């Protein structure tokens, strides 16, 4: 049986520790930067040690911290004054919580910018972040998003960004089956990046028509295996290309049930 984790976005209404408790049957969790920051700011006695000990109580590994957003197309001044300090705080949290992966997501952009320029700017800023993270022995997972106005919205564009940076061993892909399936990407597209996939996130969607498929957003995430995406074939293929890291469930519902792990086991068995 492969290792499965739960993303904190699946339980948005729960407190940090309540979410950790609900994740107790999983092997790992993904935590959100903002939730960690909020917890620490509520009480001066709250500490990262409290979070780490709570994870240990339930035998959970923190596999990823989400996320650094809109880093790629912002002005250089904003990047230096806002993005980099937040990133350094993310690295600090990751180090203290014994987590070796941070998610970064490309900018949203409504202006008409040539694709080559988007690729170049994203690559330039990602290279800066990757070098900083390398010194801290932290991996960066780049996650493209198939959403309106996302500057990098498919795997092909993500490859154009990451392929020239493959010499950095701490940089790789996060594959989210919600975006991957929504784009109707062929499974075999993963073969050439199989050695650079750091995490696979699982979510489903319901395809009614091509037009509606393009318009669905993160609020339309369905439980893995309960929609149009061929979950079983996907997992089988990723095992065939020797993916051995975590699969993490990322839902979008505002309620978080206590039996998510059991539901998932019933679907994949």
Protein backbone atom coordinates (compact mmCIF):
# COMPACT_ATOMS: atom_id res chain seq x y z
CA UNK A 1 0.00 0.00 0.00
CA UNK A 2 1.40 3.41 -0.97
CA UNK A 3 1.57 6.38 1.38
CA UNK A 4 -1.39 8.75 1.43
CA UNK A 5 -1.68 12.24 2.89
CA UNK A 6 -4.39 14.83 3.42
CA UNK A 7 -4.15 18.44 2.30
CA UNK A 8 -5.35 21.06 4.80
CA UNK A 9 -7.44 22.70 2.06
CA UNK A 10 -9.75 19.71 2.43
CA UNK A 11 -10.73 20.86 5.93
CA UNK A 12 -10.78 24.64 5.71
CA UNK A 13 -13.18 25.17 8.60
CA UNK A 14 -11.15 23.13 11.08
CA UNK A 15 -8.49 24.55 13.34
CA UNK A 16 -4.91 23.48 12.76
CA UNK A 17 -4.89 20.87 15.53
CA UNK A 18 -8.39 19.65 14.71
CA UNK A 19 -7.27 19.03 11.14
CA UNK A 20 -4.22 17.12 12.35
CA UNK A 21 -6.42 14.96 14.56
CA UNK A 22 -8.79 14.21 11.66
CA UNK A 23 -5.78 13.15 9.58
CA UNK A 24 -4.67 10.52 12.09
CA UNK A 25 -5.29 7.53 9.81
CA UNK A 26 -3.23 9.00 6.98
CA UNK A 27 0.53 8.76 6.83
CA UNK A 28 1.13 12.45 6.14
CA UNK A 29 -0.38 15.92 5.88
CA UNK A 30 0.06 19.11 3.90
CA UNK A 31 -0.25 22.26 6.01
CA UNK A 32 -0.97 25.81 4.87
CA UNK A 33 1.49 28.59 5.61
CA UNK A 34 -1.27 31.03 6.58
CA UNK A 35 -2.79 28.58 9.07
CA UNK A 36 0.59 28.03 10.72
CA UNK A 37 1.20 31.77 10.86
CA UNK A 38 -2.26 32.43 12.33
CA UNK A 39 -1.76 29.80 15.01
CA UNK A 40 1.58 31.29 16.06
CA UNK A 41 0.15 34.83 16.19
CA UNK A 42 -2.85 33.95 18.40
CA UNK A 43 -0.83 33.41 21.54
CA UNK A 44 2.82 34.20 22.34
CA UNK A 45 3.07 30.78 24.00
CA UNK A 46 2.17 28.98 20.76
CA UNK A 47 5.18 27.52 19.01
CA UNK A 48 6.28 25.42 16.06
CA UNK A 49 7.33 22.80 18.60
CA UNK A 50 3.65 22.42 19.58
CA UNK A 51 2.77 21.65 15.96
CA UNK A 52 5.63 19.21 15.57
CA UNK A 53 4.68 17.37 18.76
CA UNK A 54 1.05 17.20 17.68
CA UNK A 55 2.09 15.62 14.40
CA UNK A 56 4.20 13.12 16.31
CA UNK A 57 1.27 12.16 18.55
CA UNK A 58 -0.65 10.96 15.50
CA UNK A 59 2.44 9.58 13.75
CA UNK A 60 2.07 11.99 10.84
CA UNK A 61 4.79 13.29 8.54
CA UNK A 62 4.53 16.86 7.31
CA UNK A 63 5.17 16.30 3.60
CA UNK A 64 4.54 19.80 2.22
CA UNK A 65 3.81 23.39 3.20
CA UNK A 66 1.50 25.38 0.91
CA UNK A 67 2.34 27.82 -0.62
CA UNK A 68 4.08 30.74 -2.24
CA UNK A 69 1.71 32.36 -4.75
CA UNK A 70 2.03 34.95 -7.50
CA UNK A 71 5.80 35.06 -7.35
CA UNK A 72 6.64 34.81 -11.02
CA UNK A 73 5.40 37.96 -12.76
CA UNK A 74 5.45 40.52 -9.97
CA UNK A 75 7.75 43.56 -10.22
CA UNK A 76 11.27 43.02 -8.95
CA UNK A 77 10.73 45.41 -6.03
CA UNK A 78 7.70 43.44 -4.86
CA UNK A 79 9.60 40.20 -5.30
CA UNK A 80 12.47 41.44 -3.13
CA UNK A 81 10.35 43.21 -0.52
CA UNK A 82 7.41 40.78 -0.14
CA UNK A 83 7.94 37.47 -1.93
CA UNK A 84 11.45 36.66 -0.70
CA UNK A 85 10.73 37.46 2.98
CA UNK A 86 7.63 35.26 2.89
CA UNK A 87 9.62 32.51 1.19
CA UNK A 88 12.32 32.71 3.85
CA UNK A 89 9.61 32.38 6.52
CA UNK A 90 8.27 29.32 4.68
CA UNK A 91 11.75 27.84 4.71
CA UNK A 92 12.05 28.49 8.43
CA UNK A 93 8.73 26.76 9.12
CA UNK A 94 9.74 23.83 6.94
CA UNK A 95 13.08 23.44 8.70
CA UNK A 96 11.59 23.61 12.20
CA UNK A 97 8.74 21.22 11.31
CA UNK A 98 11.08 18.75 9.61
CA UNK A 99 9.40 19.18 6.24
CA UNK A 100 11.45 19.04 3.04
CA UNK A 101 8.96 20.41 0.47
CA UNK A 102 7.36 23.79 -0.24
CA UNK A 103 4.81 24.50 -2.97
CA UNK A 104 5.18 27.50 -5.25
CA UNK A 105 2.49 28.55 -7.73
CA UNK A 106 2.85 30.90 -10.72
CA UNK A 107 1.24 34.31 -10.97
CA UNK A 108 -2.22 35.07 -12.23
CA UNK A 109 -2.17 37.65 -14.99
CA UNK A 110 -4.94 39.40 -16.93
CA UNK A 111 -2.61 41.37 -19.22
CA UNK A 112 -1.69 40.04 -22.62
CA UNK A 113 1.93 39.03 -22.10
CA UNK A 114 3.78 36.94 -24.71
CA UNK A 115 4.19 33.36 -23.57
CA UNK A 116 7.97 33.45 -24.09
CA UNK A 117 8.22 36.39 -21.70
CA UNK A 118 6.10 34.62 -19.07
CA UNK A 119 8.35 31.56 -19.34
CA UNK A 120 11.51 33.65 -19.08
CA UNK A 121 10.37 35.68 -16.05
CA UNK A 122 9.01 32.62 -14.25
CA UNK A 123 12.24 30.73 -14.87
CA UNK A 124 14.35 33.65 -13.64
CA UNK A 125 12.49 34.08 -10.33
CA UNK A 126 12.15 30.35 -9.76
CA UNK A 127 15.91 29.99 -10.14
CA UNK A 128 16.46 32.58 -7.39
CA UNK A 129 14.11 30.78 -5.00
CA UNK A 130 15.59 27.39 -5.82
CA UNK A 131 19.09 28.59 -4.96
CA UNK A 132 17.90 29.97 -1.61
CA UNK A 133 16.08 26.73 -0.77
CA UNK A 134 19.06 24.61 -1.79
CA UNK A 135 21.18 26.13 0.97
CA UNK A 136 18.51 25.05 3.49
CA UNK A 137 18.17 21.56 1.99
CA UNK A 138 14.49 22.18 1.15
CA UNK A 139 12.78 21.07 -2.08
CA UNK A 140 10.55 23.31 -4.17
CA UNK A 141 7.52 21.81 -5.88
CA UNK A 142 6.25 23.89 -8.81
CA UNK A 143 2.50 23.52 -9.32
CA UNK A 144 0.87 24.77 -12.51
CA UNK A 145 -2.85 25.59 -12.26
CA UNK A 146 -5.44 25.07 -14.95
CA UNK A 147 -7.49 28.09 -13.89
CA UNK A 148 -8.54 31.31 -15.66
CA UNK A 149 -5.68 33.81 -15.93
CA UNK A 150 -3.08 31.42 -14.55
CA UNK A 151 0.15 32.30 -16.34
CA UNK A 152 1.35 28.66 -16.38
CA UNK A 153 -1.79 26.56 -16.84
CA UNK A 154 -0.68 23.23 -18.28
CA UNK A 155 2.08 20.65 -18.02
CA UNK A 156 3.63 21.61 -21.34
CA UNK A 157 4.23 25.19 -20.17
CA UNK A 158 5.51 23.95 -16.79
CA UNK A 159 8.08 21.80 -18.60
CA UNK A 160 9.34 24.85 -20.51
CA UNK A 161 9.99 26.51 -17.17
CA UNK A 162 11.54 23.60 -15.29
CA UNK A 163 13.49 21.66 -17.92
CA UNK A 164 16.32 24.25 -18.19
CA UNK A 165 16.61 24.10 -14.37
CA UNK A 166 16.89 20.32 -13.98
CA UNK A 167 20.47 20.72 -12.74
CA UNK A 168 18.91 21.91 -9.46
CA UNK A 169 18.05 18.66 -7.71
CA UNK A 170 15.74 20.37 -5.21
CA UNK A 171 13.31 21.60 -7.91
CA UNK A 172 10.50 19.47 -9.27
CA UNK A 173 6.83 19.17 -10.15
CA UNK A 174 3.69 18.88 -8.09
CA UNK A 175 1.03 17.14 -10.17
CA UNK A 176 -2.56 17.83 -9.18
CA UNK A 177 -4.98 15.43 -10.89
CA UNK A 178 -7.70 18.11 -10.83
CA UNK A 179 -5.65 20.31 -13.18
CA UNK A 180 -4.01 17.38 -14.95
CA UNK A 181 -7.37 15.74 -15.72
CA UNK A 182 -9.15 18.99 -16.50
CA UNK A 183 -6.59 19.61 -19.27
CA UNK A 184 -7.12 16.01 -20.45
CA UNK A 185 -3.37 15.47 -20.35
CA UNK A 186 -2.19 12.07 -21.53
CA UNK A 187 -0.71 9.95 -18.73
CA UNK A 188 2.38 9.30 -20.85
CA UNK A 189 3.30 12.98 -20.61
CA UNK A 190 4.55 12.13 -17.12
CA UNK A 191 7.16 9.67 -18.34
CA UNK A 192 9.81 12.22 -19.27
CA UNK A 193 9.45 14.03 -15.92
CA UNK A 194 9.10 10.92 -13.76
CA UNK A 195 12.37 11.59 -11.93
CA UNK A 196 11.30 15.14 -11.09
CA UNK A 197 7.83 14.59 -9.57
CA UNK A 198 7.91 15.46 -5.87
CA UNK A 199 4.22 15.05 -5.01
CA UNK A 200 0.94 13.95 -6.57
CA UNK A 201 -2.25 15.55 -5.29
CA UNK A 202 -5.53 13.72 -5.87
CA UNK A 203 -8.87 15.30 -6.66
CA UNK A 204 -11.60 14.55 -9.16
CA UNK A 205 -14.03 16.55 -11.25
CA UNK A 206 -17.28 15.94 -13.11
CA UNK A 207 -17.13 16.55 -16.82
CA UNK A 208 -20.50 17.62 -18.21
CA UNK A 209 -19.30 19.30 -21.39
CA UNK A 210 -16.08 20.71 -22.84
CA UNK A 211 -17.26 24.26 -22.17
CA UNK A 212 -18.15 23.59 -18.54
CA UNK A 213 -14.94 21.60 -18.06
CA UNK A 214 -12.90 24.70 -18.88
CA UNK A 215 -14.88 26.85 -16.45
CA UNK A 216 -14.73 24.66 -13.35
CA UNK A 217 -12.46 25.92 -10.60
CA UNK A 218 -11.11 24.72 -7.25
CA UNK A 219 -14.59 24.94 -5.73
CA UNK A 220 -15.59 22.03 -7.99
CA UNK A 221 -13.09 19.50 -6.64
CA UNK A 222 -14.66 16.09 -6.07
CA UNK A 223 -13.47 13.19 -3.95
CA UNK A 224 -10.87 11.06 -5.83
CA UNK A 225 -12.55 8.30 -7.81
CA UNK A 226 -16.02 9.91 -7.64
CA UNK A 227 -15.92 11.84 -10.90
CA UNK A 228 -14.71 11.68 -14.49
CA UNK A 229 -11.00 11.14 -13.86
CA UNK A 230 -9.71 7.58 -14.23
CA UNK A 231 -8.07 7.38 -10.82
CA UNK A 232 -7.25 3.67 -10.88
CA UNK A 233 -5.51 3.82 -14.27
CA UNK A 234 -3.63 6.95 -13.25
CA UNK A 235 -2.26 5.43 -10.05
CA UNK A 236 -1.41 2.22 -11.90
CA UNK A 237 0.55 4.21 -14.49
CA UNK A 238 2.45 6.27 -11.91
CA UNK A 239 3.47 3.04 -10.20
CA UNK A 240 4.67 1.68 -13.54
CA UNK A 241 6.99 4.67 -13.96
CA UNK A 242 8.26 4.08 -10.40
CA UNK A 243 6.70 7.01 -8.59
CA UNK A 244 7.21 6.17 -4.91
CA UNK A 245 6.31 9.33 -3.01
CA UNK A 246 3.07 10.46 -1.38
CA UNK A 247 -0.39 10.81 -2.89
CA UNK A 248 -2.23 13.61 -1.13
CA UNK A 249 -5.99 14.20 -1.21
CA UNK A 250 -6.95 17.82 -1.82
CA UNK A 251 -10.66 18.59 -1.73
CA UNK A 252 -12.53 21.88 -1.73
CA UNK A 253 -15.57 21.16 0.40
CA UNK A 254 -16.17 23.28 3.49
CA UNK A 255 -16.94 20.24 5.60
CA UNK A 256 -14.32 17.69 6.51
CA UNK A 257 -15.59 14.23 7.39
CA UNK A 258 -13.90 11.98 9.90
CA UNK A 259 -13.85 8.97 7.58
CA UNK A 260 -11.93 10.39 4.60
CA UNK A 261 -9.24 7.73 4.84
CA UNK A 262 -11.75 4.89 5.00
CA UNK A 263 -13.66 6.33 2.03
CA UNK A 264 -10.48 6.49 0.02
CA UNK A 265 -9.52 2.92 0.89
CA UNK A 266 -12.95 1.72 -0.24
CA UNK A 267 -12.56 3.46 -3.59
CA UNK A 268 -9.07 2.26 -4.45
CA UNK A 269 -9.48 -1.31 -3.20
